[in-house]
N, C-alpha and C. Protein backbone atom coordinates (compact mmCIF):
# COMPACT_ATOMS: atom_id res chain seq x y z
N MET A 1 22.38 87.72 114.30
CA MET A 1 22.07 86.47 113.68
C MET A 1 22.70 84.73 112.85
N VAL A 2 23.32 84.00 113.31
CA VAL A 2 23.67 83.42 112.37
C VAL A 2 23.14 82.22 112.26
N ILE A 3 23.29 81.72 111.31
CA ILE A 3 22.73 80.53 110.95
C ILE A 3 23.22 79.81 109.63
N ARG A 4 23.35 78.48 110.02
CA ARG A 4 23.80 77.17 109.24
C ARG A 4 22.96 75.97 108.20
N LEU A 5 22.81 76.31 108.08
CA LEU A 5 21.07 75.84 107.34
C LEU A 5 21.85 74.86 106.17
N ASP A 6 21.10 73.61 106.50
CA ASP A 6 21.40 72.54 105.81
C ASP A 6 21.47 72.62 104.06
N GLN A 7 20.43 73.24 103.46
CA GLN A 7 20.37 74.02 102.43
C GLN A 7 19.75 75.10 102.05
N PRO A 8 20.56 76.77 102.17
CA PRO A 8 20.60 77.49 102.35
C PRO A 8 19.57 77.34 101.03
N ASN A 9 19.10 79.02 101.43
CA ASN A 9 18.00 78.83 100.16
C ASN A 9 17.30 78.41 100.15
N ASN A 10 16.66 77.42 100.17
CA ASN A 10 15.73 76.37 100.26
C ASN A 10 14.82 76.28 101.55
N CYS A 11 13.77 77.44 101.08
CA CYS A 11 12.79 78.01 102.50
C CYS A 11 12.28 76.28 102.43
N GLU A 12 11.93 75.90 101.65
CA GLU A 12 10.98 74.00 102.17
C GLU A 12 11.31 73.06 103.05
N SER A 13 13.04 73.33 102.66
CA SER A 13 14.01 72.26 103.80
C SER A 13 14.03 72.84 105.40
N ASN A 14 14.29 73.74 105.32
CA ASN A 14 14.76 75.20 105.98
C ASN A 14 14.75 76.17 106.60
N PHE A 15 14.40 76.90 107.43
CA PHE A 15 13.72 78.10 107.95
C PHE A 15 13.84 78.51 109.09
N ILE A 16 13.96 80.27 109.12
CA ILE A 16 13.68 81.08 110.34
C ILE A 16 12.75 81.99 110.39
N GLU A 17 11.36 82.67 111.16
CA GLU A 17 10.46 82.90 110.91
C GLU A 17 10.91 83.69 111.88
N VAL A 18 9.64 85.20 112.12
CA VAL A 18 10.26 86.17 113.30
C VAL A 18 8.68 86.71 113.83
N TYR A 19 7.85 86.74 114.42
CA TYR A 19 6.78 87.20 114.95
C TYR A 19 7.20 88.12 116.10
N HIS A 20 6.01 88.64 115.95
CA HIS A 20 6.08 90.34 116.58
C HIS A 20 5.45 90.38 117.91
N ASN A 21 4.07 90.41 117.16
CA ASN A 21 2.80 89.97 118.54
C ASN A 21 2.66 88.63 118.98
N ASN A 22 2.08 87.92 117.79
CA ASN A 22 2.23 86.34 117.98
C ASN A 22 2.42 85.28 116.54
N MET A 23 2.14 84.07 116.56
CA MET A 23 2.83 83.26 115.88
C MET A 23 1.81 82.37 114.74
N ASN A 24 1.13 84.57 114.28
CA ASN A 24 -0.50 83.62 112.94
C ASN A 24 0.43 84.34 112.16
N ILE A 25 0.48 83.01 111.00
CA ILE A 25 1.64 83.46 109.64
C ILE A 25 0.64 84.57 109.29
N SER A 26 -0.32 84.68 109.08
CA SER A 26 -0.58 86.83 108.61
C SER A 26 -0.62 87.37 109.04
N GLU A 27 0.68 87.27 110.46
CA GLU A 27 1.81 88.06 111.17
C GLU A 27 3.28 87.97 111.21
N ARG A 28 3.51 87.56 110.41
CA ARG A 28 5.23 87.34 110.35
C ARG A 28 5.94 88.39 109.55
N GLU A 29 6.69 88.21 110.13
CA GLU A 29 7.66 89.81 109.86
C GLU A 29 8.79 89.77 109.14
N TYR A 30 9.21 88.33 108.76
CA TYR A 30 10.56 87.65 108.72
C TYR A 30 10.79 86.23 108.67
N GLN A 31 11.76 86.09 107.24
CA GLN A 31 11.35 85.35 107.10
C GLN A 31 13.53 84.77 105.71
N PHE A 32 13.86 84.52 107.14
CA PHE A 32 15.15 84.02 107.03
C PHE A 32 15.28 82.04 105.88
N CYS A 33 15.96 82.82 104.90
CA CYS A 33 16.09 81.21 104.55
C CYS A 33 17.62 80.98 103.73
N ALA A 34 18.33 81.55 104.39
CA ALA A 34 19.87 81.59 103.85
C ALA A 34 20.87 81.64 104.72
N THR A 35 22.27 81.90 104.35
CA THR A 35 22.85 81.96 104.95
C THR A 35 23.13 83.61 105.71
N LEU A 36 22.82 84.53 105.03
CA LEU A 36 22.75 85.08 105.20
C LEU A 36 21.22 86.82 105.57
N VAL A 37 21.47 87.35 106.75
CA VAL A 37 20.14 87.99 107.37
C VAL A 37 20.45 89.01 107.85
N GLU A 38 19.62 89.61 107.15
CA GLU A 38 19.26 91.68 107.93
C GLU A 38 19.34 91.24 109.79
N SER A 39 19.81 92.33 110.32
CA SER A 39 18.96 92.85 111.21
C SER A 39 17.62 92.97 111.63
N VAL A 40 17.19 91.99 113.16
CA VAL A 40 15.63 92.31 113.26
C VAL A 40 15.74 93.25 114.80
N ARG A 41 14.29 94.71 114.75
CA ARG A 41 14.14 95.00 116.17
C ARG A 41 12.83 94.83 116.79
N SER A 42 12.47 94.41 117.31
CA SER A 42 11.47 94.16 117.97
C SER A 42 10.89 95.59 118.38
N LYS A 43 9.66 95.19 117.50
CA LYS A 43 8.76 95.80 118.41
C LYS A 43 8.21 96.69 119.85
N SER A 44 7.87 96.14 119.85
CA SER A 44 8.15 96.02 121.77
C SER A 44 8.62 94.72 122.58
N ASN A 45 8.36 94.56 123.32
CA ASN A 45 9.23 93.83 124.81
C ASN A 45 9.34 92.03 124.80
N VAL A 46 8.23 91.81 123.35
CA VAL A 46 8.20 90.40 122.67
C VAL A 46 8.46 89.71 121.07
N MET A 47 9.29 89.07 121.10
CA MET A 47 9.65 88.49 119.71
C MET A 47 9.64 86.88 119.62
N HIS A 48 9.39 86.70 118.49
CA HIS A 48 8.71 85.29 118.88
C HIS A 48 9.62 84.73 117.63
N ILE A 49 10.28 83.17 117.67
CA ILE A 49 11.58 83.46 116.88
C ILE A 49 10.79 80.81 116.60
N ARG A 50 10.88 81.40 115.23
CA ARG A 50 9.48 80.05 114.70
C ARG A 50 11.50 79.04 113.79
N PHE A 51 11.61 78.12 114.34
CA PHE A 51 12.74 77.92 113.73
C PHE A 51 12.14 76.31 112.81
N PHE A 52 12.54 76.33 111.80
CA PHE A 52 11.63 75.06 111.08
C PHE A 52 12.78 74.28 110.29
N ALA A 53 13.37 71.93 110.10
CA ALA A 53 13.86 72.57 109.22
C ALA A 53 13.34 70.35 109.15
N LYS A 54 13.22 69.75 107.66
CA LYS A 54 13.02 68.42 107.82
C LYS A 54 14.15 68.26 108.47
N HIS A 55 13.09 66.36 108.70
CA HIS A 55 14.10 65.83 109.87
C HIS A 55 15.61 65.42 108.95
N ASN A 56 15.73 65.73 107.90
CA ASN A 56 17.17 64.53 107.44
C ASN A 56 17.70 66.43 107.14
N ALA A 57 17.21 66.65 107.72
CA ALA A 57 18.30 68.22 107.76
C ALA A 57 18.81 68.51 109.59
N ILE A 58 18.56 68.09 110.30
CA ILE A 58 17.68 68.35 111.32
C ILE A 58 18.94 68.45 112.03
N GLN A 59 20.40 67.61 111.81
CA GLN A 59 20.78 67.34 112.42
C GLN A 59 22.82 68.53 111.77
N THR A 60 22.28 69.02 110.52
CA THR A 60 23.41 69.72 110.33
C THR A 60 23.30 70.64 109.61
N THR A 61 21.73 71.41 110.24
CA THR A 61 21.33 72.90 110.32
C THR A 61 20.97 73.39 111.73
N ARG A 62 22.29 74.53 111.96
CA ARG A 62 22.67 74.73 113.24
C ARG A 62 22.35 76.90 113.27
N PHE A 63 21.78 77.49 114.29
CA PHE A 63 21.37 78.80 114.37
C PHE A 63 21.47 79.24 115.35
N GLU A 64 22.18 80.68 115.49
CA GLU A 64 22.77 81.03 116.35
C GLU A 64 21.79 82.15 116.87
N ILE A 65 21.21 82.90 117.70
CA ILE A 65 20.70 84.03 118.36
C ILE A 65 21.56 85.22 119.15
N VAL A 66 22.45 86.06 118.39
CA VAL A 66 22.69 86.95 119.53
C VAL A 66 21.71 88.82 119.28
N TYR A 67 21.88 88.91 120.93
CA TYR A 67 20.53 89.94 120.73
C TYR A 67 21.47 90.54 121.98
N THR A 68 20.39 91.98 122.26
CA THR A 68 20.85 92.82 122.55
C THR A 68 19.52 93.16 123.74
N ALA A 69 19.44 93.55 124.71
CA ALA A 69 18.14 94.35 125.77
C ALA A 69 18.55 95.41 125.70
N TYR A 70 17.94 96.67 125.57
CA TYR A 70 17.94 97.47 127.01
C TYR A 70 16.90 98.30 126.64
N ARG A 71 16.36 99.03 127.44
CA ARG A 71 16.17 99.80 127.88
C ARG A 71 15.86 101.20 128.36
N GLN A 72 14.94 102.27 128.33
CA GLN A 72 15.14 104.01 128.48
C GLN A 72 15.04 104.35 129.75
N LEU A 73 16.15 104.93 131.01
CA LEU A 73 15.83 105.45 132.21
C LEU A 73 15.39 106.72 131.65
N LYS A 74 14.01 106.36 133.12
CA LYS A 74 13.16 107.48 133.58
C LYS A 74 14.75 108.94 133.92
N ASN A 75 13.41 109.93 133.20
CA ASN A 75 14.34 111.35 134.18
C ASN A 75 15.71 111.23 133.77
N TRP A 76 15.74 110.25 132.63
CA TRP A 76 17.68 109.69 132.36
C TRP A 76 17.55 111.67 131.58
N THR A 77 18.83 112.28 131.63
CA THR A 77 19.43 113.34 130.72
C THR A 77 21.02 113.07 130.28
N GLY A 78 21.10 113.59 129.41
CA GLY A 78 21.98 113.25 128.26
C GLY A 78 22.63 114.27 127.82
């Protein structure tokens, strides 16, 4: 995940949240508000990403998500 926030490290102005099952705040797994983030691995085949930026920061805030999807092959022996 590449994040270029208008005000890095200011979680009041801009942030990204990651949820696995649903988007209840009590089930939030991660919140990123800095320019360096860690890798996140989904617990299932669904992840929810919430991006928030205040109105004055929206034009200068950018994030990119790079993801890899894979599945286990049935009856595979390696």
